[in-house]
């Protein structure tokens, strides 16, 4: 959910958001119920959808770049909303692929097997 929070609420809309850093950004507290995790993710999706709906896809975040832009993105140029949407789709797909690879290793089975 940090991906959607960062790219849509912060980078596109210019909202100052709280982000986790390091491993904390990718770990769920052991005592957090899965329903809460999914609820937080769904809330970020609703916020992202509202931003996407309100802006033209060629909109540039010229005034939206926050003063607290992460230091690891100092040379990252502003981009139109369309490119941000594509970036988030690609990043989400990559992480879903990583998760599926981990599932295959744990289960010892493959779901999709392509052959010649």
Protein backbone atom coordinates (compact mmCIF):
# COMPACT_ATOMS: atom_id res chain seq x y z
CA UNK A 1 0.00 0.00 0.00
CA UNK A 2 3.03 2.29 0.35
CA UNK A 3 3.36 2.12 -3.44
CA UNK A 4 -0.10 3.59 -4.02
CA UNK A 5 0.29 6.03 -1.11
CA UNK A 6 3.62 7.31 -2.38
CA UNK A 7 2.98 7.50 -6.11
CA UNK A 8 -0.61 8.75 -6.17
CA UNK A 9 -1.14 10.65 -2.94
CA UNK A 10 2.39 12.07 -2.61
CA UNK A 11 3.98 12.25 -6.08
CA UNK A 12 0.84 13.04 -8.08
CA UNK A 13 -1.42 14.90 -5.61
CA UNK A 14 1.34 16.48 -3.53
CA UNK A 15 -0.10 15.24 -0.25
CA UNK A 16 2.38 14.88 2.57
CA UNK A 17 2.01 11.28 3.67
CA UNK A 18 3.67 9.14 6.28
CA UNK A 19 5.83 6.43 4.73
CA UNK A 20 7.65 3.57 6.37
CA UNK A 21 11.29 3.01 5.54
CA UNK A 22 13.49 -0.02 5.02
CA UNK A 23 12.12 -3.45 5.85
CA UNK A 24 9.29 -1.85 7.85
CA UNK A 25 7.68 -0.78 4.57
CA UNK A 26 7.33 -4.41 3.49
CA UNK A 27 6.46 -6.15 6.73
CA UNK A 28 3.12 -6.49 8.47
CA UNK A 29 3.07 -6.56 12.26
CA UNK A 30 2.56 -10.14 13.46
CA UNK A 31 -0.51 -9.17 15.47
CA UNK A 32 -2.29 -7.36 12.61
CA UNK A 33 -5.24 -9.36 11.26
CA UNK A 34 -5.23 -9.95 7.50
CA UNK A 35 -8.61 -8.20 7.24
CA UNK A 36 -6.97 -5.02 8.57
CA UNK A 37 -4.12 -5.29 6.06
CA UNK A 38 -6.58 -5.70 3.18
CA UNK A 39 -8.72 -2.86 4.54
CA UNK A 40 -5.75 -0.48 4.60
CA UNK A 41 -4.82 -1.49 1.05
CA UNK A 42 -8.39 -1.00 -0.16
CA UNK A 43 -8.46 2.47 1.45
CA UNK A 44 -5.28 3.43 -0.45
CA UNK A 45 -6.82 2.16 -3.68
CA UNK A 46 -9.92 4.30 -3.08
CA UNK A 47 -7.70 7.35 -2.52
CA UNK A 48 -5.65 6.57 -5.64
CA UNK A 49 -8.80 6.07 -7.71
CA UNK A 50 -10.12 9.46 -6.57
CA UNK A 51 -6.88 11.17 -7.61
CA UNK A 52 -6.79 9.37 -10.97
CA UNK A 53 -10.44 10.24 -11.65
CA UNK A 54 -9.93 13.92 -10.77
CA UNK A 55 -6.90 14.52 -13.01
CA UNK A 56 -6.31 14.33 -16.75
CA UNK A 57 -3.88 11.53 -17.60
CA UNK A 58 -1.43 13.98 -19.15
CA UNK A 59 -1.37 16.16 -16.00
CA UNK A 60 2.09 16.93 -14.71
CA UNK A 61 2.66 17.20 -10.95
CA UNK A 62 4.53 20.50 -11.37
CA UNK A 63 3.41 22.02 -8.07
CA UNK A 64 2.73 18.72 -6.40
CA UNK A 65 6.31 17.63 -5.77
CA UNK A 66 6.54 17.71 -1.99
CA UNK A 67 9.37 19.35 -0.10
CA UNK A 68 10.01 16.04 1.64
CA UNK A 69 10.69 14.13 -1.60
CA UNK A 70 12.80 11.09 -0.62
CA UNK A 71 16.54 11.57 -0.98
CA UNK A 72 16.81 8.36 -3.04
CA UNK A 73 14.69 10.05 -5.77
CA UNK A 74 16.62 13.33 -6.02
CA UNK A 75 17.19 12.93 -9.76
CA UNK A 76 13.77 11.39 -10.54
CA UNK A 77 11.96 13.72 -12.94
CA UNK A 78 8.28 14.62 -12.63
CA UNK A 79 6.12 12.54 -14.95
CA UNK A 80 2.56 12.74 -16.23
CA UNK A 81 -0.15 10.81 -14.41
CA UNK A 82 -0.32 8.27 -17.29
CA UNK A 83 3.32 7.24 -16.72
CA UNK A 84 2.77 7.04 -12.98
CA UNK A 85 -0.20 4.71 -13.51
CA UNK A 86 1.89 2.49 -15.79
CA UNK A 87 4.76 2.51 -13.30
CA UNK A 88 2.46 1.37 -10.47
CA UNK A 89 0.94 -1.37 -12.65
CA UNK A 90 4.43 -2.65 -13.54
CA UNK A 91 5.65 -2.48 -9.94
CA UNK A 92 2.55 -4.28 -8.64
CA UNK A 93 2.90 -6.98 -11.31
CA UNK A 94 6.57 -7.49 -10.45
CA UNK A 95 5.83 -7.89 -6.75
CA UNK A 96 2.92 -10.23 -7.49
CA UNK A 97 5.35 -12.32 -9.54
CA UNK A 98 7.78 -12.41 -6.63
CA UNK A 99 4.99 -13.53 -4.33
CA UNK A 100 3.95 -16.25 -6.77
CA UNK A 101 7.55 -17.48 -7.03
CA UNK A 102 7.71 -17.68 -3.23
CA UNK A 103 4.38 -19.55 -3.18
CA UNK A 104 5.73 -22.05 -5.72
CA UNK A 105 8.85 -22.63 -3.63
CA UNK A 106 6.81 -23.13 -0.46
CA UNK A 107 4.13 -25.34 -2.06
CA UNK A 108 6.50 -27.20 -4.35
CA UNK A 109 4.05 -26.82 -7.24
CA UNK A 110 3.74 -24.51 -10.21
CA UNK A 111 0.46 -22.94 -11.27
CA UNK A 112 1.31 -21.92 -14.84
CA UNK A 113 3.84 -23.92 -16.82
CA UNK A 114 4.61 -22.88 -20.38
CA UNK A 115 5.98 -25.46 -22.79
CA UNK A 116 7.19 -25.31 -26.38
